[in-house]
Amino acid sequence: MLTIESIETIPIRVPLPFTYKGSYYKMRNRCTIITRIRTAEGVVGEAYNADEDEPLQSEIRGIIHDEIAPLLAGADAMAVERCWQTMLPVTFDQLRPRWYAMQAMACVDTAIWDAFGKAVGQPLWRLWGGYRDRVPMIGIGGYYVPEDGSAAGNEIEDEIDFFRLEHGLVGMKFKIGAEPPAKDVARLVRARRHAGEDFLFVVDANQGYTVAEALSFLAMTRAEGIELRWFEEPTRWHGDARSLRDVRMRGNVAVAAGQSEHSRVGMREMMVTGAIDVSNYDASWGGGPTEWRRVAALAAAFDVELGHHEEAHLGSHLLASVPGGTFVEAFAPARDPVFWNMLANRPALVDGAFPLPVAPGLGWQLDEDFIEAHRADR
């Protein structure tokens, strides 16, 4: 028995050195929410999830404190599925986007799992299946950075050197979708030439292309002799899973998607439609590890591989637990100072792979000085 007594949250906001731009979005701060579940038995579950800036960060915290905490008061944190189902009514408000509530649930669900692991003395990757104890890591980069000098030291070549030479990552997820395909191909060629042939690439259009543009990009990429491990979110949202399927079939390329879904229902439709080869459902956005593991079960039934959108501290546990896991992902420090500074016991990569902690639960030690320096509630 682990009796939930209280839920605490700490909002974190770290200004980035310049504005990062993907296909149609911009990012100026890196944000997260630390959630702590305190139990009567003295076990504290701790996690960080969600990367929303204001005003959504405050709204997510409000859902946690005003709606979820009363539902879980006195609940047994060992009954994880029951806790998750108890939280579900916060998603029923049809006048509020449901993914707000699913992010709030993710914060709490992850902390509950951390408490569970600590209570039984096992790391979560082992509790969830223990298929491997490390996961290959790829970087995320190739953003459209400012040309006014503010991004100096964070150009494409700098990111590749950081990923490959300094830390030994096995590859890179490269951002495209904001420029015409020919310009994006030129940027990718530049990256490939700098990285060398033994550094894998996936590309991520963040829903920036039409089907025709995605197919054009693939044709030009092949003409340059560049092989892609997968093409992530190639097409715009209104094409639904059918556009993903069209790119997959007509472009003869593995397609990844799922980060923009917030439940197993959306992922089921992608798989039934034959739209994806790789699910990159995000546990920090979509209801937590409990829901991610349901998506993983669906993926096994459809022979779909598994990724995890960002959040290596959590995604590594999930991907290590199952046979279908692919790569854990990390940004460069300028884009994600949280990952590179929050984890006081972050391990060095071993032969390109991120080793999982053997400490119980998530196993991470959060740097209290970093937390105090970047609290957004002061």
Protein backbone atom coordinates (compact mmCIF):
# COMPACT_ATOMS: atom_id res chain seq x y z
CA MET A 1 0.00 0.00 0.00
CA LEU A 2 1.21 3.49 -0.91
CA THR A 3 -1.35 6.01 0.27
CA ILE A 4 -1.25 9.25 -1.70
CA GLU A 5 -1.25 12.20 0.70
CA SER A 6 -0.36 15.12 -1.54
CA ILE A 7 0.74 16.16 -5.00
CA GLU A 8 3.23 18.98 -5.51
CA THR A 9 4.37 20.65 -8.71
CA ILE A 10 7.25 22.96 -9.58
CA PRO A 11 7.15 24.80 -12.92
CA ILE A 12 10.50 25.16 -14.69
CA ARG A 13 11.26 27.69 -17.42
CA VAL A 14 14.71 28.14 -18.97
CA PRO A 15 15.23 30.87 -21.58
CA LEU A 16 16.94 29.63 -24.73
CA PRO A 17 19.77 31.63 -26.31
CA PHE A 18 17.71 32.33 -29.43
CA THR A 19 14.39 31.35 -31.00
CA TYR A 20 14.38 27.84 -32.42
CA LYS A 21 12.11 27.34 -35.43
CA GLY A 22 10.70 24.12 -36.83
CA SER A 23 8.32 23.92 -39.77
CA TYR A 24 5.51 26.12 -38.45
CA TYR A 25 6.36 26.54 -34.76
CA LYS A 26 8.83 28.51 -32.68
CA MET A 27 10.38 27.85 -29.28
CA ARG A 28 11.95 30.53 -27.06
CA ASN A 29 11.94 28.79 -23.67
CA ARG A 30 12.43 25.21 -22.52
CA CYS A 31 9.83 24.36 -19.92
CA THR A 32 8.75 21.42 -17.82
CA ILE A 33 6.79 20.56 -14.68
CA ILE A 34 8.31 18.62 -11.79
CA THR A 35 5.63 16.55 -10.07
CA ARG A 36 6.05 14.95 -6.65
CA ILE A 37 3.65 12.41 -5.18
CA ARG A 38 4.03 12.16 -1.40
CA THR A 39 2.71 9.05 0.33
CA ALA A 40 1.85 8.23 3.94
CA GLU A 41 4.49 5.48 3.84
CA GLY A 42 7.25 8.01 3.14
CA VAL A 43 7.88 7.06 -0.50
CA VAL A 44 8.03 10.08 -2.82
CA GLY A 45 7.43 9.61 -6.52
CA GLU A 46 9.15 12.29 -8.61
CA ALA A 47 9.12 13.03 -12.33
CA TYR A 48 9.26 15.85 -14.82
CA ASN A 49 6.90 16.03 -17.79
CA ALA A 50 5.26 18.40 -20.25
CA ASP A 51 7.19 21.13 -22.05
CA GLU A 52 4.54 23.81 -22.33
CA ASP A 53 5.24 27.49 -21.73
CA GLU A 54 2.78 29.98 -20.30
CA PRO A 55 -0.16 30.19 -20.17
CA LEU A 56 -0.58 26.45 -20.74
CA GLN A 57 1.94 25.51 -18.08
CA SER A 58 -0.23 27.13 -15.42
CA GLU A 59 -3.36 25.52 -16.85
CA ILE A 60 -1.82 22.06 -16.65
CA ARG A 61 -0.74 22.68 -13.07
CA GLY A 62 -4.25 23.91 -12.30
CA ILE A 63 -5.74 20.66 -13.60
CA ILE A 64 -3.32 18.70 -11.43
CA HIS A 65 -4.04 20.61 -8.23
CA ASP A 66 -7.70 21.51 -8.63
CA GLU A 67 -9.02 18.40 -10.37
CA ILE A 68 -6.65 15.44 -10.12
CA ALA A 69 -5.34 15.83 -6.58
CA PRO A 70 -8.82 15.63 -4.97
CA LEU A 71 -9.60 12.50 -7.00
CA LEU A 72 -6.42 10.73 -5.88
CA ALA A 73 -6.38 11.78 -2.22
CA GLY A 74 -6.04 8.58 -0.19
CA ALA A 75 -5.64 6.38 -3.28
CA ASP A 76 -3.15 3.52 -3.40
CA ALA A 77 -0.28 4.43 -5.71
CA MET A 78 0.49 0.73 -6.12
CA ALA A 79 -2.82 0.39 -7.99
CA VAL A 80 -1.51 2.29 -11.00
CA GLU A 81 -4.26 1.32 -13.44
CA ARG A 82 -6.94 2.29 -10.93
CA CYS A 83 -5.26 5.64 -10.35
CA TRP A 84 -5.12 6.27 -14.10
CA GLN A 85 -8.79 5.43 -14.53
CA THR A 86 -9.66 7.61 -11.55
CA MET A 87 -8.00 10.57 -13.27
CA LEU A 88 -9.73 10.00 -16.62
CA PRO A 89 -12.81 12.21 -15.94
CA VAL A 90 -10.58 15.30 -16.17
CA THR A 91 -10.52 14.63 -19.93
CA PHE A 92 -14.32 14.71 -20.26
CA ASP A 93 -14.69 18.51 -20.45
CA GLN A 94 -15.44 18.91 -24.16
CA LEU A 95 -14.91 22.69 -24.03
CA ARG A 96 -11.24 22.22 -23.11
CA PRO A 97 -8.71 20.56 -25.41
CA ARG A 98 -8.33 17.03 -24.08
CA TRP A 99 -4.59 16.98 -24.51
CA TYR A 100 -4.28 19.61 -21.77
CA ALA A 101 -5.77 17.09 -19.35
CA MET A 102 -3.74 14.25 -20.82
CA GLN A 103 -0.54 16.19 -20.14
CA ALA A 104 -1.66 16.77 -16.56
CA MET A 105 -2.39 13.06 -16.22
CA ALA A 106 1.05 12.28 -17.66
CA CYS A 107 2.75 14.32 -14.96
CA VAL A 108 0.95 12.44 -12.20
CA ASP A 109 1.07 9.00 -13.82
CA THR A 110 4.84 9.19 -14.28
CA ALA A 111 5.38 10.22 -10.67
CA ILE A 112 3.11 7.38 -9.51
CA TRP A 113 5.18 4.89 -11.48
CA ASP A 114 8.36 6.31 -9.94
CA ALA A 115 6.85 5.74 -6.49
CA PHE A 116 5.84 2.20 -7.49
CA GLY A 117 9.39 1.39 -8.64
CA LYS A 118 10.89 2.80 -5.46
CA ALA A 119 8.45 0.80 -3.32
CA VAL A 120 9.40 -2.51 -4.94
CA GLY A 121 13.08 -1.61 -5.36
CA GLN A 122 13.28 -1.98 -9.13
CA PRO A 123 14.01 0.41 -12.04
CA LEU A 124 11.03 0.99 -14.30
CA TRP A 125 12.67 -0.33 -17.47
CA ARG A 126 13.02 -3.69 -15.71
CA LEU A 127 9.50 -3.62 -14.23
CA TRP A 128 8.02 -2.86 -17.64
CA GLY A 129 9.75 -5.78 -19.35
CA GLY A 130 13.52 -5.39 -19.12
CA TYR A 131 14.25 -6.25 -22.75
CA ARG A 132 17.55 -4.31 -22.73
CA ASP A 133 19.48 -2.11 -20.31
CA ARG A 134 20.50 0.61 -22.79
CA VAL A 135 19.05 2.26 -25.89
CA PRO A 136 20.87 3.80 -28.88
CA MET A 137 20.58 7.59 -28.87
CA ILE A 138 20.06 10.04 -31.72
CA GLY A 139 20.22 13.82 -31.55
CA ILE A 140 17.54 16.27 -32.67
CA GLY A 141 18.74 19.26 -34.63
CA GLY A 142 18.87 21.01 -37.96
CA TYR A 143 16.49 23.74 -36.83
CA TYR A 144 16.04 26.93 -38.81
CA VAL A 145 18.18 29.24 -36.69
CA PRO A 146 18.52 33.03 -36.90
CA GLU A 147 21.10 34.47 -39.26
CA ASP A 148 21.84 37.51 -37.11
CA GLY A 149 24.71 35.88 -35.24
CA SER A 150 22.70 34.93 -32.15
CA ALA A 151 22.92 31.24 -33.08
CA ALA A 152 26.71 31.18 -33.39
CA GLY A 153 28.06 27.85 -32.19
CA ASN A 154 24.76 26.12 -32.85
CA GLU A 155 24.86 25.71 -36.61
CA ILE A 156 24.26 22.35 -38.29
CA GLU A 157 27.95 21.39 -38.18
CA ASP A 158 28.23 22.38 -34.50
CA GLU A 159 25.27 20.19 -33.57
CA ILE A 160 26.65 17.22 -35.48
CA ASP A 161 30.03 17.61 -33.80
CA PHE A 162 28.35 17.73 -30.40
CA PHE A 163 26.22 14.67 -31.08
CA ARG A 164 28.79 12.54 -32.84
CA LEU A 165 32.23 13.62 -31.65
CA GLU A 166 31.57 14.79 -28.10
CA HIS A 167 28.96 12.24 -27.05
CA GLY A 168 29.02 9.43 -29.58
CA LEU A 169 25.36 9.48 -30.63
CA VAL A 170 24.57 7.15 -33.53
CA GLY A 171 22.57 9.59 -35.64
CA MET A 172 20.37 12.65 -35.90
CA LYS A 173 16.78 13.65 -36.44
CA PHE A 174 16.96 16.54 -38.89
CA LYS A 175 14.28 19.24 -39.05
CA ILE A 176 12.71 20.11 -42.39
CA GLY A 177 9.34 21.40 -43.62
CA ALA A 178 9.66 25.19 -43.42
CA GLU A 179 11.39 25.61 -46.77
CA PRO A 180 10.64 24.27 -50.26
CA PRO A 181 11.86 20.67 -50.59
CA ALA A 182 14.88 21.62 -52.72
CA LYS A 183 16.21 23.95 -50.01
CA ASP A 184 15.61 21.38 -47.28
CA VAL A 185 17.43 18.75 -49.34
CA ALA A 186 20.39 21.13 -49.69
CA ARG A 187 20.49 21.55 -45.91
CA LEU A 188 20.36 17.77 -45.43
CA VAL A 189 23.15 17.24 -47.97
CA ARG A 190 25.25 19.72 -46.03
CA ALA A 191 24.61 17.75 -42.84
CA ARG A 192 25.38 14.39 -44.44
CA ARG A 193 28.67 15.63 -45.88
CA HIS A 194 29.78 16.89 -42.50
CA ALA A 195 28.64 13.83 -40.56
CA GLY A 196 29.96 11.09 -42.81
CA GLU A 197 28.30 7.95 -44.07
CA ASP A 198 28.17 5.98 -40.80
CA PHE A 199 25.92 8.51 -39.03
CA LEU A 200 22.25 7.74 -39.57
CA PHE A 201 19.61 10.35 -40.42
CA VAL A 202 15.89 10.57 -39.95
CA VAL A 203 14.01 13.66 -41.08
CA ASP A 204 11.13 15.39 -39.31
CA ALA A 205 8.86 17.78 -41.20
CA ASN A 206 6.64 18.45 -38.18
CA GLN A 207 3.61 18.22 -40.49
CA GLY A 208 5.05 20.87 -42.79
CA TYR A 209 4.69 19.36 -46.27
CA THR A 210 1.90 18.41 -48.61
CA VAL A 211 1.99 14.84 -49.95
CA ALA A 212 3.42 16.11 -53.24
CA GLU A 213 6.14 18.08 -51.47
CA ALA A 214 7.07 15.10 -49.30
CA LEU A 215 7.37 12.86 -52.34
CA SER A 216 9.46 15.49 -54.13
CA PHE A 217 11.76 15.72 -51.12
CA LEU A 218 12.22 11.95 -51.14
CA ALA A 219 13.01 11.85 -54.85
CA MET A 220 15.67 14.55 -54.50
CA THR A 221 17.10 12.92 -51.37
CA ARG A 222 17.53 9.61 -53.18
CA ALA A 223 19.14 11.38 -56.12
CA GLU A 224 21.76 12.63 -53.65
CA GLY A 225 22.33 9.08 -52.40
CA ILE A 226 21.00 9.76 -48.90
CA GLU A 227 19.19 6.92 -47.14
CA LEU A 228 16.73 7.81 -44.41
CA ARG A 229 15.94 5.59 -41.41
CA TRP A 230 12.46 7.13 -41.43
CA PHE A 231 10.45 10.21 -42.41
CA GLU A 232 8.65 11.69 -39.41
CA GLU A 233 5.34 13.57 -39.62
CA PRO A 234 5.81 14.36 -43.33
CA THR A 235 2.36 15.84 -44.03
CA ARG A 236 -0.08 18.44 -42.73
CA TRP A 237 -2.67 17.60 -40.12
CA HIS A 238 -5.77 17.88 -42.32
CA GLY A 239 -4.59 14.98 -44.50
CA ASP A 240 -5.05 12.69 -41.52
CA ALA A 241 -3.45 9.25 -41.50
CA ARG A 242 -4.23 8.78 -45.18
CA SER A 243 -1.61 11.31 -46.23
CA LEU A 244 0.96 9.53 -44.10
CA ARG A 245 -0.04 6.27 -45.76
CA ASP A 246 0.32 7.84 -49.21
CA VAL A 247 3.85 9.05 -48.48
CA ARG A 248 4.73 5.67 -47.00
CA MET A 249 3.43 3.69 -49.98
CA ARG A 250 4.22 6.01 -52.88
CA GLY A 251 7.52 7.20 -51.46
CA ASN A 252 8.68 3.73 -50.37
CA VAL A 253 9.90 5.11 -47.06
CA ALA A 254 9.37 4.20 -43.44
CA VAL A 255 7.04 6.77 -41.83
CA ALA A 256 6.98 7.75 -38.15
CA ALA A 257 4.21 9.68 -36.41
CA GLY A 258 2.28 9.83 -33.18
CA GLN A 259 3.67 12.69 -31.12
CA SER A 260 0.67 14.81 -32.08
CA GLU A 261 -1.79 12.15 -30.88
CA HIS A 262 -2.87 12.17 -27.26
CA SER A 263 -4.37 8.72 -26.81
CA ARG A 264 -4.19 5.12 -27.95
CA VAL A 265 -7.35 5.76 -29.99
CA GLY A 266 -5.52 8.00 -32.46
CA MET A 267 -2.60 5.60 -32.61
CA ARG A 268 -4.93 2.69 -33.31
CA GLU A 269 -6.35 4.53 -36.32
CA MET A 270 -2.85 5.19 -37.70
CA MET A 271 -1.98 1.53 -37.45
CA VAL A 272 -5.26 0.26 -38.88
CA THR A 273 -4.85 2.67 -41.81
CA GLY A 274 -1.35 1.38 -42.50
CA ALA A 275 0.03 4.89 -42.04
CA ILE A 276 3.16 4.28 -39.96
CA ASP A 277 6.13 2.01 -39.50
CA VAL A 278 7.25 3.74 -36.29
CA SER A 279 5.11 5.06 -33.43
CA ASN A 280 6.69 8.02 -31.65
CA TYR A 281 3.88 8.50 -29.16
CA ASP A 282 4.94 10.81 -26.31
CA ALA A 283 4.19 9.58 -22.79
CA SER A 284 4.79 13.08 -21.42
CA TRP A 285 2.04 14.52 -23.63
CA GLY A 286 -0.33 11.58 -23.88
CA GLY A 287 -1.38 10.39 -20.43
CA GLY A 288 1.88 9.01 -19.13
CA PRO A 289 3.66 5.64 -19.24
CA THR A 290 0.41 3.78 -18.61
CA GLU A 291 -1.07 4.94 -21.92
CA TRP A 292 2.25 4.62 -23.78
CA ARG A 293 2.46 0.97 -22.82
CA ARG A 294 -1.02 0.40 -24.24
CA VAL A 295 0.16 1.96 -27.50
CA ALA A 296 3.20 -0.33 -27.39
CA ALA A 297 0.90 -3.34 -27.14
CA LEU A 298 -1.01 -2.13 -30.20
CA ALA A 299 2.25 -1.61 -32.04
CA ALA A 300 3.32 -5.19 -31.33
CA ALA A 301 0.06 -6.42 -32.85
CA PHE A 302 0.63 -4.36 -36.01
CA ASP A 303 4.38 -4.99 -36.28
CA VAL A 304 5.11 -1.28 -35.78
CA GLU A 305 8.40 -0.12 -34.24
CA LEU A 306 8.51 2.20 -31.27
CA GLY A 307 10.15 5.55 -30.70
CA HIS A 308 9.47 8.22 -28.12
CA HIS A 309 9.16 11.92 -28.91
CA GLU A 310 11.97 13.65 -26.98
CA GLU A 311 12.13 13.30 -23.15
CA ALA A 312 15.03 10.81 -22.98
CA HIS A 313 14.82 10.53 -19.19
CA LEU A 314 11.43 8.79 -19.56
CA GLY A 315 11.55 7.48 -23.12
CA SER A 316 14.70 5.48 -22.38
CA HIS A 317 12.90 3.42 -19.72
CA LEU A 318 9.96 2.74 -22.01
CA LEU A 319 11.99 1.89 -25.11
CA ALA A 320 14.36 -0.36 -23.16
CA SER A 321 11.48 -2.37 -21.78
CA VAL A 322 10.13 -3.78 -25.07
CA PRO A 323 11.54 -5.56 -28.13
CA GLY A 324 10.33 -2.96 -30.66
CA GLY A 325 12.19 0.04 -29.26
CA THR A 326 14.35 2.04 -31.67
CA PHE A 327 16.19 5.19 -30.53
CA VAL A 328 15.99 7.52 -27.58
CA GLU A 329 16.26 11.20 -28.52
CA ALA A 330 18.06 14.26 -27.12
CA PHE A 331 18.39 17.85 -28.27
CA ALA A 332 21.61 19.82 -28.14
CA PRO A 333 22.10 21.68 -24.82
CA ALA A 334 21.12 25.06 -26.27
CA ARG A 335 17.72 23.60 -27.26
CA ASP A 336 17.20 21.49 -24.12
CA PRO A 337 19.20 22.73 -21.14
CA VAL A 338 16.83 20.77 -18.88
CA PHE A 339 17.97 17.29 -19.95
CA TRP A 340 21.65 18.20 -19.90
CA ASN A 341 21.52 19.97 -16.52
CA MET A 342 18.56 18.63 -14.51
CA LEU A 343 19.80 15.04 -14.28
CA ALA A 344 22.63 15.11 -11.78
CA ASN A 345 23.43 11.44 -12.47
CA ARG A 346 22.99 11.48 -16.26
CA PRO A 347 25.26 8.72 -17.62
CA ALA A 348 27.73 8.95 -20.46
CA LEU A 349 26.82 7.01 -23.58
CA VAL A 350 28.40 3.61 -24.13
CA ASP A 351 29.02 2.76 -27.80
CA GLY A 352 26.29 5.19 -28.82
CA ALA A 353 23.75 3.86 -26.33
CA PHE A 354 22.16 5.55 -23.31
CA PRO A 355 22.56 3.27 -20.24
CA LEU A 356 19.54 2.91 -17.97
CA PRO A 357 19.90 3.52 -14.22
CA VAL A 358 19.75 0.56 -11.86
CA ALA A 359 18.33 2.66 -9.02
CA PRO A 360 14.62 2.03 -8.35
CA GLY A 361 11.86 3.91 -10.14
CA LEU A 362 13.08 6.34 -12.77
CA GLY A 363 16.41 6.36 -10.96
CA TRP A 364 17.27 9.99 -11.66
CA GLN A 365 18.67 12.47 -9.18
CA LEU A 366 17.36 15.94 -9.97
CA ASP A 367 19.76 18.84 -9.48
CA GLU A 368 18.21 21.04 -6.80
CA ASP A 369 20.40 24.02 -7.63
CA PHE A 370 19.20 23.93 -11.24
CA ILE A 371 15.60 23.66 -10.06
CA GLU A 372 15.92 26.63 -7.74
CA ALA A 373 17.59 28.73 -10.43
CA HIS A 374 14.80 28.12 -12.96
CA ARG A 375 11.61 27.88 -10.96
CA ALA A 376 8.89 29.82 -12.78
CA ASP A 377 6.71 30.33 -9.69
CA ARG A 378 8.91 32.99 -8.09
